[in-house]
Amino acid sequence: MSEEKKNKAKVQWKPSKSAEKPRFVLKPRKTEREFSFSTEEFWTLSDFIHKKTGIVLKDHKMDMVYSRLARRLRSLCIESFRDYLVYLNGLSGESEISLLINAITTNLTKFFRENHHFDHLSSVVMPEIVKTSQIGKKKIRIWSAGCSSGEEPYSISMVLDRALKEKNKAGFDAKVLATDLDTSMLKTGREGFYKSTSLHQVAPQYHPYFEKSSIEPNTIHIASDLRQMIAFKELNLLDKWPMKGQFDVIFCRNVMIYFDNETKRKLAERFCEILKPGGWLYIGHSETLLGAGNLFKLHGRTIYQRPF
């Protein structure tokens, strides 16, 4: 058989009820895996994750899912992904979900990542908030949705604190809500310890917000007054949101890339509802508000404002 015919024979087409595009079934490889993991089991697992979190795992993610979840199977002394699916649907399944999500999601972040958002927050949003604030209503509320290990909400807090001090605006009640699905990342953010090399990403005017750690070598610690500005909470964006008040600003960056178009549209609608009129939404550099652009006005690259 020719090499071209051999390659064609490896792939068979099979439709999927939940996928947006047709799925292709790859025949099992000859290399031995530690745990059995069939294509059907991957589909069942990806559908389970989609229903629970809105995260879409397409077929090319199968090897990534295997490599990241193999550690969970070893930890639980489970011998196959079929047994892991049974475990997820059993009595212990609910507590396992957060660990499952922690394993499959990527937490790539740094201080002042996509810096143009923080420049806009400092030069446009903060002066606007301070100018329009009324006596007795000096509240600033910002939400970091998908905060990962905390660099984003701390960057936000630095901008907030510096802007208020520069304008001699004491008495403002400024708070940042930081939410994520990944409980281990939330723990890191809550504790506020980072490698000293993280300072290379931070402009000198923000260095006073970092203290050299006396506990760990080559480690810096976020100043306590800044840590007190932030509440780190576990939250699934698909669940009911417990927040009651409206936000001035929402950062939801590099989160919606995991979702299908319908989930993105619904999420944008919910963001619009919980933002104050004139409030701002920042999204990731590779994301768009597909199907929900009528809810917001675009102000430059990945910067949106809810109309007044």
C-alpha atoms as a PDB file:
ATOM      1  CA  MET A   1       0.000   0.000   0.000  1.00  0.00           C
ATOM      2  CA  SER A   2       1.338   3.478  -0.890  1.00  0.00           C
ATOM      3  CA  GLU A   3       2.253   5.926   1.891  1.00  0.00           C
ATOM      4  CA  GLU A   4      -0.633   8.226   0.848  1.00  0.00           C
ATOM      5  CA  LYS A   5      -3.199   5.391   1.139  1.00  0.00           C
ATOM      6  CA  LYS A   6      -1.788   4.394   4.542  1.00  0.00           C
ATOM      7  CA  ASN A   7      -2.284   7.923   5.863  1.00  0.00           C
ATOM      8  CA  LYS A   8      -5.860   8.065   4.563  1.00  0.00           C
ATOM      9  CA  ALA A   9      -6.676   4.742   6.177  1.00  0.00           C
ATOM     10  CA  LYS A  10      -5.765   6.055   9.602  1.00  0.00           C
ATOM     11  CA  VAL A  11      -8.662   8.511   9.731  1.00  0.00           C
ATOM     12  CA  GLN A  12     -12.370   7.717   9.777  1.00  0.00           C
ATOM     13  CA  TRP A  13     -15.138  10.324   9.946  1.00  0.00           C
ATOM     14  CA  LYS A  14     -17.706  10.159  12.735  1.00  0.00           C
ATOM     15  CA  PRO A  15     -20.327  12.854  13.515  1.00  0.00           C
ATOM     16  CA  SER A  16     -20.703  14.241  17.039  1.00  0.00           C
ATOM     17  CA  LYS A  17     -23.907  15.614  18.558  1.00  0.00           C
ATOM     18  CA  SER A  18     -22.172  18.282  20.648  1.00  0.00           C
ATOM     19  CA  ALA A  19     -19.319  19.395  18.392  1.00  0.00           C
ATOM     20  CA  GLU A  20     -19.609  22.484  16.191  1.00  0.00           C
ATOM     21  CA  LYS A  21     -17.588  20.746  13.452  1.00  0.00           C
ATOM     22  CA  PRO A  22     -17.410  17.090  12.350  1.00  0.00           C
ATOM     23  CA  ARG A  23     -15.069  15.024  14.448  1.00  0.00           C
ATOM     24  CA  PHE A  24     -12.492  12.677  13.054  1.00  0.00           C
ATOM     25  CA  VAL A  25     -11.723   9.440  14.810  1.00  0.00           C
ATOM     26  CA  LEU A  26      -8.067   8.571  15.036  1.00  0.00           C
ATOM     27  CA  LYS A  27      -7.368   4.872  15.253  1.00  0.00           C
ATOM     28  CA  PRO A  28      -5.540   3.824  18.429  1.00  0.00           C
ATOM     29  CA  ARG A  29      -1.793   4.282  18.240  1.00  0.00           C
ATOM     30  CA  LYS A  30       0.590   1.389  18.550  1.00  0.00           C
ATOM     31  CA  THR A  31       2.470   3.076  21.406  1.00  0.00           C
ATOM     32  CA  GLU A  32       1.338   1.832  24.795  1.00  0.00           C
ATOM     33  CA  ARG A  33      -0.223   4.272  27.238  1.00  0.00           C
ATOM     34  CA  GLU A  34      -0.256   3.927  30.984  1.00  0.00           C
ATOM     35  CA  PHE A  35      -4.070   4.340  31.049  1.00  0.00           C
ATOM     36  CA  SER A  36      -6.587   3.298  28.432  1.00  0.00           C
ATOM     37  CA  PHE A  37      -8.271   6.348  26.855  1.00  0.00           C
ATOM     38  CA  SER A  38     -10.526   5.823  23.866  1.00  0.00           C
ATOM     39  CA  THR A  39     -11.861   8.494  21.527  1.00  0.00           C
ATOM     40  CA  GLU A  40     -15.372   7.874  22.844  1.00  0.00           C
ATOM     41  CA  GLU A  41     -14.178   8.372  26.417  1.00  0.00           C
ATOM     42  CA  PHE A  42     -12.538  11.644  25.389  1.00  0.00           C
ATOM     43  CA  TRP A  43     -15.820  12.819  23.829  1.00  0.00           C
ATOM     44  CA  THR A  44     -17.752  11.870  26.969  1.00  0.00           C
ATOM     45  CA  LEU A  45     -15.223  13.705  29.136  1.00  0.00           C
ATOM     46  CA  SER A  46     -15.193  16.812  26.915  1.00  0.00           C
ATOM     47  CA  ASP A  47     -19.018  16.922  26.923  1.00  0.00           C
ATOM     48  CA  PHE A  48     -19.008  16.619  30.728  1.00  0.00           C
ATOM     49  CA  ILE A  49     -16.537  19.522  31.017  1.00  0.00           C
ATOM     50  CA  HIS A  50     -18.538  21.629  28.559  1.00  0.00           C
ATOM     51  CA  LYS A  51     -21.754  21.183  30.527  1.00  0.00           C
ATOM     52  CA  LYS A  52     -20.055  22.010  33.824  1.00  0.00           C
ATOM     53  CA  THR A  53     -17.863  24.943  32.757  1.00  0.00           C
ATOM     54  CA  GLY A  54     -18.574  25.967  29.156  1.00  0.00           C
ATOM     55  CA  ILE A  55     -15.009  25.010  28.184  1.00  0.00           C
ATOM     56  CA  VAL A  56     -14.772  23.452  24.726  1.00  0.00           C
ATOM     57  CA  LEU A  57     -12.184  20.732  24.154  1.00  0.00           C
ATOM     58  CA  LYS A  58     -11.834  19.848  20.492  1.00  0.00           C
ATOM     59  CA  ASP A  59     -10.404  16.612  19.208  1.00  0.00           C
ATOM     60  CA  HIS A  60      -6.840  17.881  18.771  1.00  0.00           C
ATOM     61  CA  LYS A  61      -6.725  18.440  22.563  1.00  0.00           C
ATOM     62  CA  MET A  62      -7.013  14.708  23.301  1.00  0.00           C
ATOM     63  CA  ASP A  63      -3.280  14.160  23.919  1.00  0.00           C
ATOM     64  CA  MET A  64      -3.086  17.279  26.094  1.00  0.00           C
ATOM     65  CA  VAL A  65      -6.053  16.115  28.183  1.00  0.00           C
ATOM     66  CA  TYR A  66      -4.488  12.674  28.609  1.00  0.00           C
ATOM     67  CA  SER A  67      -1.105  14.014  29.724  1.00  0.00           C
ATOM     68  CA  ARG A  68      -2.596  16.476  32.214  1.00  0.00           C
ATOM     69  CA  LEU A  69      -5.188  14.126  33.710  1.00  0.00           C
ATOM     70  CA  ALA A  70      -2.898  11.107  33.957  1.00  0.00           C
ATOM     71  CA  ARG A  71      -1.565  12.635  37.196  1.00  0.00           C
ATOM     72  CA  ARG A  72      -5.093  12.776  38.614  1.00  0.00           C
ATOM     73  CA  LEU A  73      -5.643   9.099  37.820  1.00  0.00           C
ATOM     74  CA  ARG A  74      -2.384   8.149  39.538  1.00  0.00           C
ATOM     75  CA  SER A  75      -3.275  10.239  42.574  1.00  0.00           C
ATOM     76  CA  LEU A  76      -6.698   8.578  42.839  1.00  0.00           C
ATOM     77  CA  CYS A  77      -5.329   5.073  42.066  1.00  0.00           C
ATOM     78  CA  ILE A  78      -7.750   4.842  39.128  1.00  0.00           C
ATOM     79  CA  GLU A  79      -6.695   2.489  36.349  1.00  0.00           C
ATOM     80  CA  SER A  80      -8.519   3.872  33.297  1.00  0.00           C
ATOM     81  CA  PHE A  81     -10.341   6.934  32.005  1.00  0.00           C
ATOM     82  CA  ARG A  82     -13.505   4.865  31.902  1.00  0.00           C
ATOM     83  CA  ASP A  83     -13.244   4.437  35.681  1.00  0.00           C
ATOM     84  CA  TYR A  84     -12.426   8.135  36.036  1.00  0.00           C
ATOM     85  CA  LEU A  85     -15.685   9.039  34.270  1.00  0.00           C
ATOM     86  CA  VAL A  86     -17.559   6.789  36.709  1.00  0.00           C
ATOM     87  CA  TYR A  87     -15.766   8.562  39.567  1.00  0.00           C
ATOM     88  CA  LEU A  88     -16.748  12.007  38.207  1.00  0.00           C
ATOM     89  CA  ASN A  89     -20.400  11.001  38.152  1.00  0.00           C
ATOM     90  CA  GLY A  90     -20.289   9.459  41.615  1.00  0.00           C
ATOM     91  CA  LEU A  91     -20.461  10.848  45.142  1.00  0.00           C
ATOM     92  CA  SER A  92     -16.934  12.281  45.015  1.00  0.00           C
ATOM     93  CA  GLY A  93     -17.339  13.783  41.560  1.00  0.00           C
ATOM     94  CA  GLU A  94     -18.331  17.271  42.664  1.00  0.00           C
ATOM     95  CA  SER A  95     -15.143  17.794  44.675  1.00  0.00           C
ATOM     96  CA  GLU A  96     -13.050  16.440  41.802  1.00  0.00           C
ATOM     97  CA  ILE A  97     -14.355  18.939  39.215  1.00  0.00           C
ATOM     98  CA  SER A  98     -12.222  21.861  40.407  1.00  0.00           C
ATOM     99  CA  LEU A  99      -9.109  19.649  40.340  1.00  0.00           C
ATOM    100  CA  LEU A 100     -10.036  18.476  36.843  1.00  0.00           C
ATOM    101  CA  ILE A 101     -10.381  22.066  35.619  1.00  0.00           C
ATOM    102  CA  ASN A 102      -7.147  23.072  37.349  1.00  0.00           C
ATOM    103  CA  ALA A 103      -5.368  20.352  35.368  1.00  0.00           C
ATOM    104  CA  ILE A 104      -6.684  21.126  31.876  1.00  0.00           C
ATOM    105  CA  THR A 105      -6.634  24.930  31.866  1.00  0.00           C
ATOM    106  CA  THR A 106      -3.546  26.996  31.144  1.00  0.00           C
ATOM    107  CA  ASN A 107      -2.636  29.702  33.653  1.00  0.00           C
ATOM    108  CA  LEU A 108      -0.293  31.941  31.683  1.00  0.00           C
ATOM    109  CA  THR A 109      -0.108  35.409  33.194  1.00  0.00           C
ATOM    110  CA  LYS A 110       2.233  38.156  34.360  1.00  0.00           C
ATOM    111  CA  PHE A 111       2.057  41.597  35.946  1.00  0.00           C
ATOM    112  CA  PHE A 112       0.679  44.267  33.596  1.00  0.00           C
ATOM    113  CA  ARG A 113       0.106  41.776  30.790  1.00  0.00           C
ATOM    114  CA  GLU A 114      -1.379  43.538  27.724  1.00  0.00           C
ATOM    115  CA  ASN A 115      -0.259  46.824  29.226  1.00  0.00           C
ATOM    116  CA  HIS A 116      -2.456  49.062  27.040  1.00  0.00           C
ATOM    117  CA  HIS A 117      -5.440  48.063  29.210  1.00  0.00           C
ATOM    118  CA  PHE A 118      -3.716  49.373  32.341  1.00  0.00           C
ATOM    119  CA  ASP A 119      -2.673  52.552  30.533  1.00  0.00           C
ATOM    120  CA  HIS A 120      -6.320  53.084  29.573  1.00  0.00           C
ATOM    121  CA  LEU A 121      -7.470  52.332  33.124  1.00  0.00           C
ATOM    122  CA  SER A 122      -5.017  54.903  34.484  1.00  0.00           C
ATOM    123  CA  SER A 123      -5.384  57.688  31.913  1.00  0.00           C
ATOM    124  CA  VAL A 124      -9.067  57.441  30.924  1.00  0.00           C
ATOM    125  CA  VAL A 125     -11.143  55.393  33.356  1.00  0.00           C
ATOM    126  CA  MET A 126      -9.796  56.543  36.723  1.00  0.00           C
ATOM    127  CA  PRO A 127     -10.007  60.303  35.983  1.00  0.00           C
ATOM    128  CA  GLU A 128     -13.538  59.717  34.683  1.00  0.00           C
ATOM    129  CA  ILE A 129     -14.598  57.835  37.844  1.00  0.00           C
ATOM    130  CA  VAL A 130     -13.066  60.420  40.169  1.00  0.00           C
ATOM    131  CA  LYS A 131     -14.657  63.310  38.252  1.00  0.00           C
ATOM    132  CA  THR A 132     -18.167  61.865  38.294  1.00  0.00           C
ATOM    133  CA  SER A 133     -18.098  60.544  41.856  1.00  0.00           C
ATOM    134  CA  GLN A 134     -20.610  62.148  44.230  1.00  0.00           C
ATOM    135  CA  ILE A 135     -20.205  62.790  47.923  1.00  0.00           C
ATOM    136  CA  GLY A 136     -21.138  59.654  49.823  1.00  0.00           C
ATOM    137  CA  LYS A 137     -20.805  57.486  46.690  1.00  0.00           C
ATOM    138  CA  LYS A 138     -17.049  57.206  46.436  1.00  0.00           C
ATOM    139  CA  LYS A 139     -17.021  53.523  45.569  1.00  0.00           C
ATOM    140  CA  ILE A 140     -14.921  51.913  42.874  1.00  0.00           C
ATOM    141  CA  ARG A 141     -15.575  48.279  42.055  1.00  0.00           C
ATOM    142  CA  ILE A 142     -13.508  46.280  39.553  1.00  0.00           C
ATOM    143  CA  TRP A 143     -13.839  42.586  38.718  1.00  0.00           C
ATOM    144  CA  SER A 144     -10.943  40.438  37.504  1.00  0.00           C
ATOM    145  CA  ALA A 145     -12.787  37.443  36.025  1.00  0.00           C
ATOM    146  CA  GLY A 146     -10.339  34.604  35.450  1.00  0.00           C
ATOM    147  CA  CYS A 147      -7.661  36.094  37.697  1.00  0.00           C
ATOM    148  CA  SER A 148      -5.335  33.066  37.575  1.00  0.00           C
ATOM    149  CA  SER A 149      -2.462  33.413  40.096  1.00  0.00           C
ATOM    150  CA  GLY A 150      -3.248  37.024  40.966  1.00  0.00           C
ATOM    151  CA  GLU A 151      -0.921  39.148  38.831  1.00  0.00           C
ATOM    152  CA  GLU A 152      -3.858  40.768  37.028  1.00  0.00           C
ATOM    153  CA  PRO A 153      -5.864  41.933  40.081  1.00  0.00           C
ATOM    154  CA  TYR A 154      -2.671  43.143  41.783  1.00  0.00           C
ATOM    155  CA  SER A 155      -1.772  45.142  38.667  1.00  0.00           C
ATOM    156  CA  ILE A 156      -5.278  46.649  38.730  1.00  0.00           C
ATOM    157  CA  SER A 157      -4.934  47.536  42.422  1.00  0.00           C
ATOM    158  CA  MET A 158      -1.583  49.237  41.854  1.00  0.00           C
ATOM    159  CA  VAL A 159      -3.128  51.448  39.175  1.00  0.00           C
ATOM    160  CA  LEU A 160      -6.112  52.211  41.424  1.00  0.00           C
ATOM    161  CA  ASP A 161      -4.043  53.082  44.475  1.00  0.00           C
ATOM    162  CA  ARG A 162      -1.511  55.192  42.572  1.00  0.00           C
ATOM    163  CA  ALA A 163      -4.207  57.121  40.679  1.00  0.00           C
ATOM    164  CA  LEU A 164      -6.097  57.979  43.875  1.00  0.00           C
ATOM    165  CA  LYS A 165      -2.944  59.062  45.719  1.00  0.00           C
ATOM    166  CA  GLU A 166      -1.804  61.242  42.811  1.00  0.00           C
ATOM    167  CA  LYS A 167      -5.141  63.068  42.849  1.00  0.00           C
ATOM    168  CA  ASN A 168      -5.184  63.297  46.650  1.00  0.00           C
ATOM    169  CA  LYS A 169      -8.492  61.470  46.694  1.00  0.00           C
ATOM    170  CA  ALA A 170      -8.589  59.958  50.147  1.00  0.00           C
ATOM    171  CA  GLY A 171     -11.795  58.357  51.342  1.00  0.00           C
ATOM    172  CA  PHE A 172     -12.524  56.360  48.213  1.00  0.00           C
ATOM    173  CA  ASP A 173     -13.696  52.795  48.829  1.00  0.00           C
ATOM    174  CA  ALA A 174     -11.808  50.926  46.096  1.00  0.00           C
ATOM    175  CA  LYS A 175     -12.134  47.142  45.908  1.00  0.00           C
ATOM    176  CA  VAL A 176     -11.180  44.462  43.395  1.00  0.00           C
ATOM    177  CA  LEU A 177     -12.983  41.121  43.113  1.00  0.00           C
ATOM    178  CA  ALA A 178     -10.714  38.375  41.749  1.00  0.00           C
ATOM    179  CA  THR A 179     -12.391  35.125  40.674  1.00  0.00           C
ATOM    180  CA  ASP A 180     -11.232  31.909  39.068  1.00  0.00           C
ATOM    181  CA  LEU A 181     -12.118  28.238  38.821  1.00  0.00           C
ATOM    182  CA  ASP A 182      -8.613  27.123  39.726  1.00  0.00           C
ATOM    183  CA  THR A 183      -8.377  26.864  43.503  1.00  0.00           C
ATOM    184  CA  SER A 184      -4.595  26.436  43.515  1.00  0.00           C
ATOM    185  CA  MET A 185      -4.170  29.663  41.528  1.00  0.00           C
ATOM    186  CA  LEU A 186      -6.493  31.500  43.925  1.00  0.00           C
ATOM    187  CA  LYS A 187      -4.345  30.331  46.847  1.00  0.00           C
ATOM    188  CA  THR A 188      -1.239  31.750  45.172  1.00  0.00           C
ATOM    189  CA  GLY A 189      -2.987  35.056  44.545  1.00  0.00           C
ATOM    190  CA  ARG A 190      -4.350  35.275  48.076  1.00  0.00           C
ATOM    191  CA  GLU A 191      -0.888  34.716  49.596  1.00  0.00           C
ATOM    192  CA  GLY A 192       0.786  37.207  47.228  1.00  0.00           C
ATOM    193  CA  PHE A 193       4.254  35.658  46.915  1.00  0.00           C
ATOM    194  CA  TYR A 194       6.013  35.808  43.523  1.00  0.00           C
ATOM    195  CA  LYS A 195       9.488  35.273  42.082  1.00  0.00           C
ATOM    196  CA  SER A 196      11.785  38.292  42.220  1.00  0.00           C
ATOM    197  CA  THR A 197      12.178  38.114  38.443  1.00  0.00           C
ATOM    198  CA  SER A 198       8.512  39.173  38.167  1.00  0.00           C
ATOM    199  CA  LEU A 199       9.649  42.735  38.909  1.00  0.00           C
ATOM    200  CA  HIS A 200      11.294  42.855  35.473  1.00  0.00           C
ATOM    201  CA  GLN A 201       7.786  43.181  34.027  1.00  0.00           C
ATOM    202  CA  VAL A 202       6.809  46.049  36.335  1.00  0.00           C
ATOM    203  CA  ALA A 203       7.454  49.765  35.775  1.00  0.00           C
ATOM    204  CA  PRO A 204       9.631  51.393  38.489  1.00  0.00           C
ATOM    205  CA  GLN A 205       6.780  53.551  39.843  1.00  0.00           C
ATOM    206  CA  TYR A 206       5.022  50.385  41.010  1.00  0.00           C
ATOM    207  CA  HIS A 207       8.046  48.768  42.736  1.00  0.00           C
ATOM    208  CA  PRO A 208       7.118  50.198  46.183  1.00  0.00           C
ATOM    209  CA  TYR A 209       4.122  47.839  46.209  1.00  0.00           C
ATOM    210  CA  PHE A 210       6.516  44.878  46.475  1.00  0.00           C
ATOM    211  CA  GLU A 211       8.494  43.812  49.528  1.00  0.00           C
ATOM    212  CA  LYS A 212      11.397  41.409  49.677  1.00  0.00           C
ATOM    213  CA  SER A 213      10.246  38.189  51.298  1.00  0.00           C
ATOM    214  CA  SER A 214      11.938  37.161  54.529  1.00  0.00           C
ATOM    215  CA  ILE A 215      10.547  33.642  54.141  1.00  0.00           C
ATOM    216  CA  GLU A 216      11.700  32.505  50.705  1.00  0.00           C
ATOM    217  CA  PRO A 217      14.903  33.510  48.874  1.00  0.00           C
ATOM    218  CA  ASN A 218      14.491  35.237  45.489  1.00  0.00           C
ATOM    219  CA  THR A 219      10.855  35.934  46.334  1.00  0.00           C
ATOM    220  CA  ILE A 220       8.854  39.139  46.635  1.00  0.00           C
ATOM    221  CA  HIS A 221       5.662  39.740  48.588  1.00  0.00           C
ATOM    222  CA  ILE A 222       2.811  42.094  47.700  1.00  0.00           C
ATOM    223  CA  ALA A 223       2.422  44.896  50.263  1.00  0.00           C
ATOM    224  CA  SER A 224      -0.289  44.146  52.826  1.00  0.00           C
ATOM    225  CA  ASP A 225      -2.409  47.252  52.138  1.00  0.00           C
ATOM    226  CA  LEU A 226      -2.644  46.239  48.478  1.00  0.00           C
ATOM    227  CA  ARG A 227      -3.574  42.655  49.351  1.00  0.00           C
ATOM    228  CA  GLN A 228      -6.412  43.982  51.494  1.00  0.00           C
ATOM    229  CA  MET A 229      -7.966  45.671  48.451  1.00  0.00           C
ATOM    230  CA  ILE A 230      -8.624  42.321  46.774  1.00  0.00           C
ATOM    231  CA  ALA A 231     -11.078  39.509  47.536  1.00  0.00           C
ATOM    232  CA  PHE A 232     -10.103  36.202  45.907  1.00  0.00           C
ATOM    233  CA  LYS A 233     -13.124  33.951  45.334  1.00  0.00           C
ATOM    234  CA  GLU A 234     -13.787  30.700  43.506  1.00  0.00           C
ATOM    235  CA  LEU A 235     -16.401  31.199  40.788  1.00  0.00           C
ATOM    236  CA  ASN A 236     -17.628  29.307  37.752  1.00  0.00           C
ATOM    237  CA  LEU A 237     -18.643  31.954  35.194  1.00  0.00           C
ATOM    238  CA  LEU A 238     -21.475  29.703  34.010  1.00  0.00           C
ATOM    239  CA  ASP A 239     -23.049  29.519  37.463  1.00  0.00           C
ATOM    240  CA  LYS A 240     -25.213  32.108  39.201  1.00  0.00           C
ATOM    241  CA  TRP A 241     -23.179  35.154  40.201  1.00  0.00           C
ATOM    242  CA  PRO A 242     -23.508  36.112  43.888  1.00  0.00           C
ATOM    243  CA  MET A 243     -22.422  39.737  43.356  1.00  0.00           C
ATOM    244  CA  LYS A 244     -25.200  42.240  44.024  1.00  0.00           C
ATOM    245  CA  GLY A 245     -23.725  45.623  43.099  1.00  0.00           C
ATOM    246  CA  GLN A 246     -22.612  46.844  39.684  1.00  0.00           C
ATOM    247  CA  PHE A 247     -19.008  47.186  38.538  1.00  0.00           C
ATOM    248  CA  ASP A 248     -17.164  50.153  37.072  1.00  0.00           C
ATOM    249  CA  VAL A 249     -14.761  47.884  35.182  1.00  0.00           C
ATOM    250  CA  ILE A 250     -14.525  44.188  34.284  1.00  0.00           C
ATOM    251  CA  PHE A 251     -11.345  42.447  33.134  1.00  0.00           C
ATOM    252  CA  CYS A 252     -12.143  39.127  31.420  1.00  0.00           C
ATOM    253  CA  ARG A 253      -9.063  38.405  29.385  1.00  0.00           C
ATOM    254  CA  ASN A 254      -8.018  35.177  27.704  1.00  0.00           C
ATOM    255  CA  VAL A 255     -10.912  33.333  29.313  1.00  0.00           C
ATOM    256  CA  MET A 256     -13.517  33.308  26.548  1.00  0.00           C
ATOM    257  CA  ILE A 257     -11.092  31.569  24.185  1.00  0.00           C
ATOM    258  CA  TYR A 258     -12.101  28.338  25.948  1.00  0.00           C
ATOM    259  CA  PHE A 259     -15.833  28.821  25.216  1.00  0.00           C
ATOM    260  CA  ASP A 260     -18.079  28.194  22.214  1.00  0.00           C
ATOM    261  CA  ASN A 261     -19.756  31.147  20.465  1.00  0.00           C
ATOM    262  CA  GLU A 262     -23.098  30.774  22.228  1.00  0.00           C
ATOM    263  CA  THR A 263     -21.465  30.746  25.662  1.00  0.00           C
ATOM    264  CA  LYS A 264     -19.402  33.828  24.723  1.00  0.00           C
ATOM    265  CA  ARG A 265     -22.536  35.677  23.634  1.00  0.00           C
ATOM    266  CA  LYS A 266     -24.417  34.878  26.853  1.00  0.00           C
ATOM    267  CA  LEU A 267     -21.411  35.823  28.956  1.00  0.00           C
ATOM    268  CA  ALA A 268     -21.110  39.192  27.204  1.00  0.00           C
ATOM    269  CA  GLU A 269     -24.805  39.844  27.908  1.00  0.00           C
ATOM    270  CA  ARG A 270     -24.294  39.084  31.600  1.00  0.00           C
ATOM    271  CA  PHE A 271     -21.245  41.340  31.744  1.00  0.00           C
ATOM    272  CA  CYS A 272     -23.299  44.141  30.224  1.00  0.00           C
ATOM    273  CA  GLU A 273     -26.025  43.693  32.849  1.00  0.00           C
ATOM    274  CA  ILE A 274     -23.610  43.843  35.791  1.00  0.00           C
ATOM    275  CA  LEU A 275     -21.609  46.812  34.483  1.00  0.00           C
ATOM    276  CA  LYS A 276     -22.694  50.332  35.353  1.00  0.00           C
ATOM    277  CA  PRO A 277     -23.866  52.459  32.398  1.00  0.00           C
ATOM    278  CA  GLY A 278     -20.623  53.782  30.972  1.00  0.00           C
ATOM    279  CA  GLY A 279     -18.677  50.899  32.559  1.00  0.00           C
ATOM    280  CA  TRP A 280     -15.708  49.304  30.823  1.00  0.00           C
ATOM    281  CA  LEU A 281     -14.920  45.756  29.685  1.00  0.00           C
ATOM    282  CA  TYR A 282     -11.412  44.567  28.774  1.00  0.00           C
ATOM    283  CA  ILE A 283     -10.995  41.272  26.887  1.00  0.00           C
ATOM    284  CA  GLY A 284      -7.974  39.316  25.632  1.00  0.00           C
ATOM    285  CA  HIS A 285      -5.951  40.288  22.565  1.00  0.00           C
ATOM    286  CA  SER A 286      -7.136  37.221  20.618  1.00  0.00           C
ATOM    287  CA  GLU A 287     -10.819  37.532  21.629  1.00  0.00           C
ATOM    288  CA  THR A 288     -13.856  39.315  20.172  1.00  0.00           C
ATOM    289  CA  LEU A 289     -17.431  39.982  21.322  1.00  0.00           C
ATOM    290  CA  LEU A 290     -18.861  37.959  18.479  1.00  0.00           C
ATOM    291  CA  GLY A 291     -22.653  38.304  18.346  1.00  0.00           C
ATOM    292  CA  ALA A 292     -22.761  40.788  21.246  1.00  0.00           C
ATOM    293  CA  GLY A 293     -21.034  43.811  19.750  1.00  0.00           C
ATOM    294  CA  ASN A 294     -24.302  45.769  19.810  1.00  0.00           C
ATOM    295  CA  LEU A 295     -24.180  45.773  23.620  1.00  0.00           C
ATOM    296  CA  PHE A 296     -20.871  47.645  23.781  1.00  0.00           C
ATOM    297  CA  LYS A 297     -19.028  50.415  21.984  1.00  0.00           C
ATOM    298  CA  LEU A 298     -15.474  49.630  20.912  1.00  0.00           C
ATOM    299  CA  HIS A 299     -12.798  52.063  22.142  1.00  0.00           C
ATOM    300  CA  GLY A 300      -9.534  50.875  20.681  1.00  0.00           C
ATOM    301  CA  ARG A 301      -7.999  47.425  20.797  1.00  0.00           C
ATOM    302  CA  THR A 302     -10.081  44.988  22.944  1.00  0.00           C
ATOM    303  CA  ILE A 303     -11.507  47.855  25.043  1.00  0.00           C
ATOM    304  CA  TYR A 304     -15.304  48.086  25.237  1.00  0.00           C
ATOM    305  CA  GLN A 305     -17.711  50.420  27.011  1.00  0.00           C
ATOM    306  CA  ARG A 306     -21.325  49.866  27.976  1.00  0.00           C
ATOM    307  CA  PRO A 307     -23.335  52.822  26.580  1.00  0.00           C
ATOM    308  CA  PHE A 308     -24.801  55.320  29.055  1.00  0.00           C
END
